[in-house]
Protein backbone atom coordinates (compact mmCIF):
# COMPACT_ATOMS: atom_id res chain seq x y z
CA UNK A 1 -1.03 -19.38 -8.61
CA UNK A 2 -3.05 -16.58 -10.17
CA UNK A 3 -3.41 -13.36 -8.18
CA UNK A 4 -5.47 -10.23 -8.59
CA UNK A 5 -4.54 -7.12 -6.66
CA UNK A 6 -6.80 -4.34 -5.40
CA UNK A 7 -5.11 -1.03 -4.60
CA UNK A 8 -7.13 1.42 -2.50
CA UNK A 9 -4.43 3.87 -1.44
CA UNK A 10 -3.09 6.87 -3.33
CA UNK A 11 0.62 6.71 -4.18
CA UNK A 12 1.39 9.95 -2.35
CA UNK A 13 -0.55 9.45 0.91
CA UNK A 14 -0.21 5.79 1.90
CA UNK A 15 2.39 3.05 1.75
CA UNK A 16 -0.22 0.65 0.34
CA UNK A 17 0.37 1.56 -3.32
CA UNK A 18 4.12 1.00 -3.03
CA UNK A 19 3.54 -2.21 -1.06
CA UNK A 20 1.16 -3.48 -3.75
CA UNK A 21 3.71 -2.72 -6.46
CA UNK A 22 6.45 -4.56 -4.55
CA UNK A 23 4.10 -7.50 -3.96
CA UNK A 24 3.28 -7.64 -7.67
CA UNK A 25 6.96 -7.67 -8.58
CA UNK A 26 7.67 -10.45 -6.06
CA UNK A 27 4.74 -12.57 -7.26
CA UNK A 28 5.86 -12.33 -10.87
CA UNK A 29 9.50 -12.99 -9.95
CA UNK A 30 8.41 -16.24 -8.28
CA UNK A 31 6.68 -17.41 -11.46
CA UNK A 32 3.09 -16.70 -10.45
CA UNK A 33 0.59 -14.80 -12.61
CA UNK A 34 -1.35 -11.60 -12.04
CA UNK A 35 -4.75 -11.60 -13.68
CA UNK A 36 -5.61 -7.97 -12.99
CA UNK A 37 -4.72 -4.97 -10.83
CA UNK A 38 -7.82 -2.99 -9.86
CA UNK A 39 -7.51 0.53 -8.46
CA UNK A 40 -10.42 1.86 -6.42
CA UNK A 41 -11.11 4.65 -3.95
CA UNK A 42 -8.11 6.94 -3.63
CA UNK A 43 -6.09 4.20 -5.31
CA UNK A 44 -7.28 5.58 -8.64
CA UNK A 45 -4.59 8.26 -8.29
CA UNK A 46 -2.10 5.52 -9.22
CA UNK A 47 -3.50 5.98 -12.74
CA UNK A 48 -3.01 9.72 -13.00
CA UNK A 49 -0.67 10.91 -15.73
CA UNK A 50 -0.12 14.11 -13.75
CA UNK A 51 1.51 12.46 -10.73
CA UNK A 52 4.94 14.01 -10.18
CA UNK A 53 6.65 12.77 -7.01
CA UNK A 54 9.64 14.42 -5.37
CA UNK A 55 12.97 13.55 -6.97
CA UNK A 56 14.04 11.51 -3.94
CA UNK A 57 10.83 9.41 -3.97
CA UNK A 58 9.92 6.43 -6.11
CA UNK A 59 7.51 7.03 -8.99
CA UNK A 60 4.77 4.49 -8.27
CA UNK A 61 2.71 5.36 -11.37
CA UNK A 62 5.73 4.78 -13.62
CA UNK A 63 6.44 1.58 -11.71
CA UNK A 64 2.96 0.24 -12.51
CA UNK A 65 3.34 1.27 -16.14
CA UNK A 66 6.68 -0.51 -16.49
CA UNK A 67 5.40 -3.65 -14.78
CA UNK A 68 2.29 -3.70 -16.98
CA UNK A 69 4.35 -3.22 -20.13
CA UNK A 70 6.88 -5.89 -19.20
CA UNK A 71 4.30 -8.47 -18.09
CA UNK A 72 1.19 -7.50 -20.10
CA UNK A 73 -0.76 -6.67 -16.93
CA UNK A 74 -4.31 -5.38 -16.95
CA UNK A 75 -4.39 -2.13 -14.92
CA UNK A 76 -8.03 -1.17 -14.34
CA UNK A 77 -9.12 2.06 -12.67
CA UNK A 78 -12.64 2.13 -11.18
CA UNK A 79 -14.52 4.58 -13.38
CA UNK A 80 -16.94 5.79 -10.67
CA UNK A 81 -14.14 6.55 -8.21
CA UNK A 82 -11.99 8.09 -10.94
CA UNK A 83 -14.64 10.48 -12.22
CA UNK A 84 -15.41 11.65 -8.67
CA UNK A 85 -11.72 12.44 -8.22
CA UNK A 86 -11.14 14.06 -11.61
CA UNK A 87 -9.24 11.25 -13.36
CA UNK A 88 -10.55 10.39 -16.82
CA UNK A 89 -9.56 9.19 -20.25
CA UNK A 90 -10.18 11.09 -23.49
CA UNK A 91 -13.59 9.49 -24.04
CA UNK A 92 -14.89 10.40 -20.59
CA UNK A 93 -13.45 13.92 -20.85
CA UNK A 94 -15.38 14.44 -24.06
CA UNK A 95 -18.55 12.91 -22.62
CA UNK A 96 -18.40 15.23 -19.61
CA UNK A 97 -17.41 18.35 -21.58
CA UNK A 98 -13.93 18.56 -20.06
CA UNK A 99 -11.12 20.09 -22.07
CA UNK A 100 -8.44 17.70 -20.80
CA UNK A 101 -7.93 14.10 -19.74
CA UNK A 102 -5.31 12.65 -17.41
CA UNK A 103 -5.50 8.86 -17.28
CA UNK A 104 -1.95 7.55 -17.55
CA UNK A 105 -0.91 5.35 -20.46
CA UNK A 106 -1.36 1.66 -19.72
CA UNK A 107 -4.37 2.14 -17.44
CA UNK A 108 -8.02 1.65 -18.46
CA UNK A 109 -11.27 2.84 -16.92
CA UNK A 110 -13.92 0.27 -16.15
CA UNK A 111 -16.52 -0.70 -13.60
CA UNK A 112 -16.78 -3.07 -10.67
CA UNK A 113 -17.65 -5.91 -13.04
CA UNK A 114 -13.91 -6.10 -13.78
CA UNK A 115 -13.24 -6.68 -10.08
CA UNK A 116 -15.84 -9.45 -9.98
CA UNK A 117 -14.28 -10.99 -13.08
CA UNK A 118 -10.86 -10.81 -11.44
CA UNK A 119 -12.13 -12.58 -8.33
CA UNK A 120 -13.68 -15.34 -10.44
CA UNK A 121 -10.50 -15.88 -12.47
CA UNK A 122 -7.94 -15.69 -9.66
CA UNK A 123 -6.85 -18.04 -6.92
CA UNK A 124 -6.33 -15.11 -4.56
CA UNK A 125 -7.41 -11.46 -4.45
CA UNK A 126 -5.10 -9.36 -2.29
CA UNK A 127 -6.17 -5.86 -1.17
CA UNK A 128 -3.78 -3.06 -0.22
CA UNK A 129 -5.12 0.01 1.59
CA UNK A 130 -8.44 0.82 3.15
């Protein structure tokens, strides 16, 4: 089965980001595929390179990066939600005259068309968060 996952919760304020990561690991361990992980709303904070959790907490951003690297996952951050919340890649930082960028390695910015594409190419789309 091919899954796509939508994450709408920030890693530091809701359990949904951690639950989505655990779900993704379980799906892959059972031999299923993940077509895309799409981060929207406050879920875009899962793609921030500046996230630094407490030492006794799991590092959800690093968890997504490792999973993506190990399984060639497509981690897409909604560009509209990201820009509103101050998360951007080098290209968007330059376009908006910002001196810095903070999109974590392994994540890409894109629009809602990527979510539509994921829905069309997946057997199931599972959403975590609200």
